[in-house]
Amino acid sequence: MTNIIKCRFLDKDSEPRGREYSYKTEIPVEVGQIVDVPAPRQSDTDNELKTKSVIVSQINVPEEEIATFADKVKTVVGIHTEDEKEN
């Protein structure tokens, strides 16, 4: 089952900053957990998947909250582990 969550990006000190962004996930997650999400492409020829780490700030977000932009919502890549470096 797909769950909609909200996350915040982490600054250089690993503190959550800025606004919340919505993501879909089939992986069970909890508030406060760090997950990896697709990073924006740097160019049209960049085919390598790059990720960014974000912290989960809300789970079980109602689908109505993303209805107007649901087709643009990206999916969580996985749970972040300490040995992974951001690409």
Protein backbone atom coordinates (compact mmCIF):
# COMPACT_ATOMS: atom_id res chain seq x y z
CA MET A 1 0.00 0.00 0.00
CA THR A 2 1.34 3.42 -0.92
CA ASN A 3 1.62 5.93 1.87
CA ILE A 4 2.06 9.67 1.39
CA ILE A 5 4.57 11.33 3.67
CA LYS A 6 6.01 14.80 4.15
CA CYS A 7 9.73 15.39 4.55
CA ARG A 8 12.22 18.20 5.02
CA PHE A 9 15.69 18.43 3.53
CA LEU A 10 18.67 18.39 5.87
CA ASP A 11 21.20 21.22 6.01
CA LYS A 12 24.98 20.77 6.29
CA ASP A 13 24.59 20.20 10.05
CA SER A 14 21.96 17.50 9.43
CA GLU A 15 19.20 19.73 10.80
CA PRO A 16 15.80 19.86 9.02
CA ARG A 17 15.34 23.15 7.17
CA GLY A 18 12.85 24.79 4.86
CA ARG A 19 9.42 23.71 3.77
CA GLU A 20 7.95 20.23 3.71
CA TYR A 21 7.83 18.21 0.49
CA SER A 22 5.46 15.32 -0.23
CA TYR A 23 6.65 11.87 -1.30
CA LYS A 24 5.06 8.48 -1.89
CA THR A 25 6.45 5.37 -0.21
CA GLU A 26 5.66 1.69 -0.03
CA ILE A 27 8.32 1.31 2.67
CA PRO A 28 7.03 1.61 6.24
CA VAL A 29 8.57 4.75 7.77
CA GLU A 30 8.25 6.69 11.02
CA VAL A 31 8.41 10.40 11.81
CA GLY A 32 12.05 11.36 12.43
CA GLN A 33 13.46 8.63 10.19
CA ILE A 34 15.92 9.61 7.46
CA VAL A 35 15.10 8.37 3.96
CA ASP A 36 16.64 8.85 0.52
CA VAL A 37 14.67 10.51 -2.27
CA PRO A 38 15.50 11.22 -5.93
CA ALA A 39 17.56 14.39 -6.37
CA PRO A 40 16.85 16.77 -9.24
CA ARG A 41 18.74 15.99 -12.45
CA GLN A 42 21.59 18.32 -13.25
CA SER A 43 21.01 18.01 -17.01
CA ASP A 44 18.85 16.19 -19.55
CA THR A 45 21.75 13.85 -20.35
CA ASP A 46 22.26 12.88 -16.69
CA ASN A 47 20.80 9.36 -16.43
CA GLU A 48 22.42 8.33 -13.15
CA LEU A 49 20.02 8.25 -10.18
CA LYS A 50 21.23 10.66 -7.54
CA THR A 51 19.64 10.85 -4.11
CA LYS A 52 19.28 13.30 -1.25
CA SER A 53 18.59 12.50 2.38
CA VAL A 54 15.47 13.94 3.98
CA ILE A 55 13.84 13.54 7.37
CA VAL A 56 10.25 12.33 7.63
CA SER A 57 8.12 15.02 9.29
CA GLN A 58 4.63 13.56 8.78
CA ILE A 59 3.15 10.19 7.78
CA ASN A 60 -0.31 9.13 6.59
CA VAL A 61 -0.91 12.38 4.70
CA PRO A 62 -4.40 12.37 3.12
CA GLU A 63 -4.39 12.01 -0.68
CA GLU A 64 -6.56 15.12 -0.93
CA GLU A 65 -3.57 17.22 0.16
CA ILE A 66 -1.64 16.28 -2.99
CA ALA A 67 -4.56 15.88 -5.41
CA THR A 68 -3.63 18.93 -7.51
CA PHE A 69 -0.03 17.78 -8.05
CA ALA A 70 -0.19 14.01 -7.44
CA ASP A 71 1.33 13.24 -10.86
CA LYS A 72 4.51 15.12 -9.87
CA VAL A 73 5.05 13.47 -6.46
CA LYS A 74 8.23 11.38 -6.39
CA THR A 75 8.75 8.09 -4.57
CA VAL A 76 11.16 7.38 -1.70
CA VAL A 77 14.18 5.38 -2.91
CA GLY A 78 14.93 3.72 0.44
CA ILE A 79 15.84 4.07 4.08
CA HIS A 80 19.08 6.00 4.52
CA THR A 81 21.98 4.08 6.04
CA GLU A 82 25.10 5.67 7.48
CA ASP A 83 27.45 3.99 4.96
CA GLU A 84 25.63 5.59 2.02
CA LYS A 85 27.05 8.82 0.71
CA GLU A 86 24.80 11.29 -1.05
CA ASN A 87 25.53 11.11 -4.77
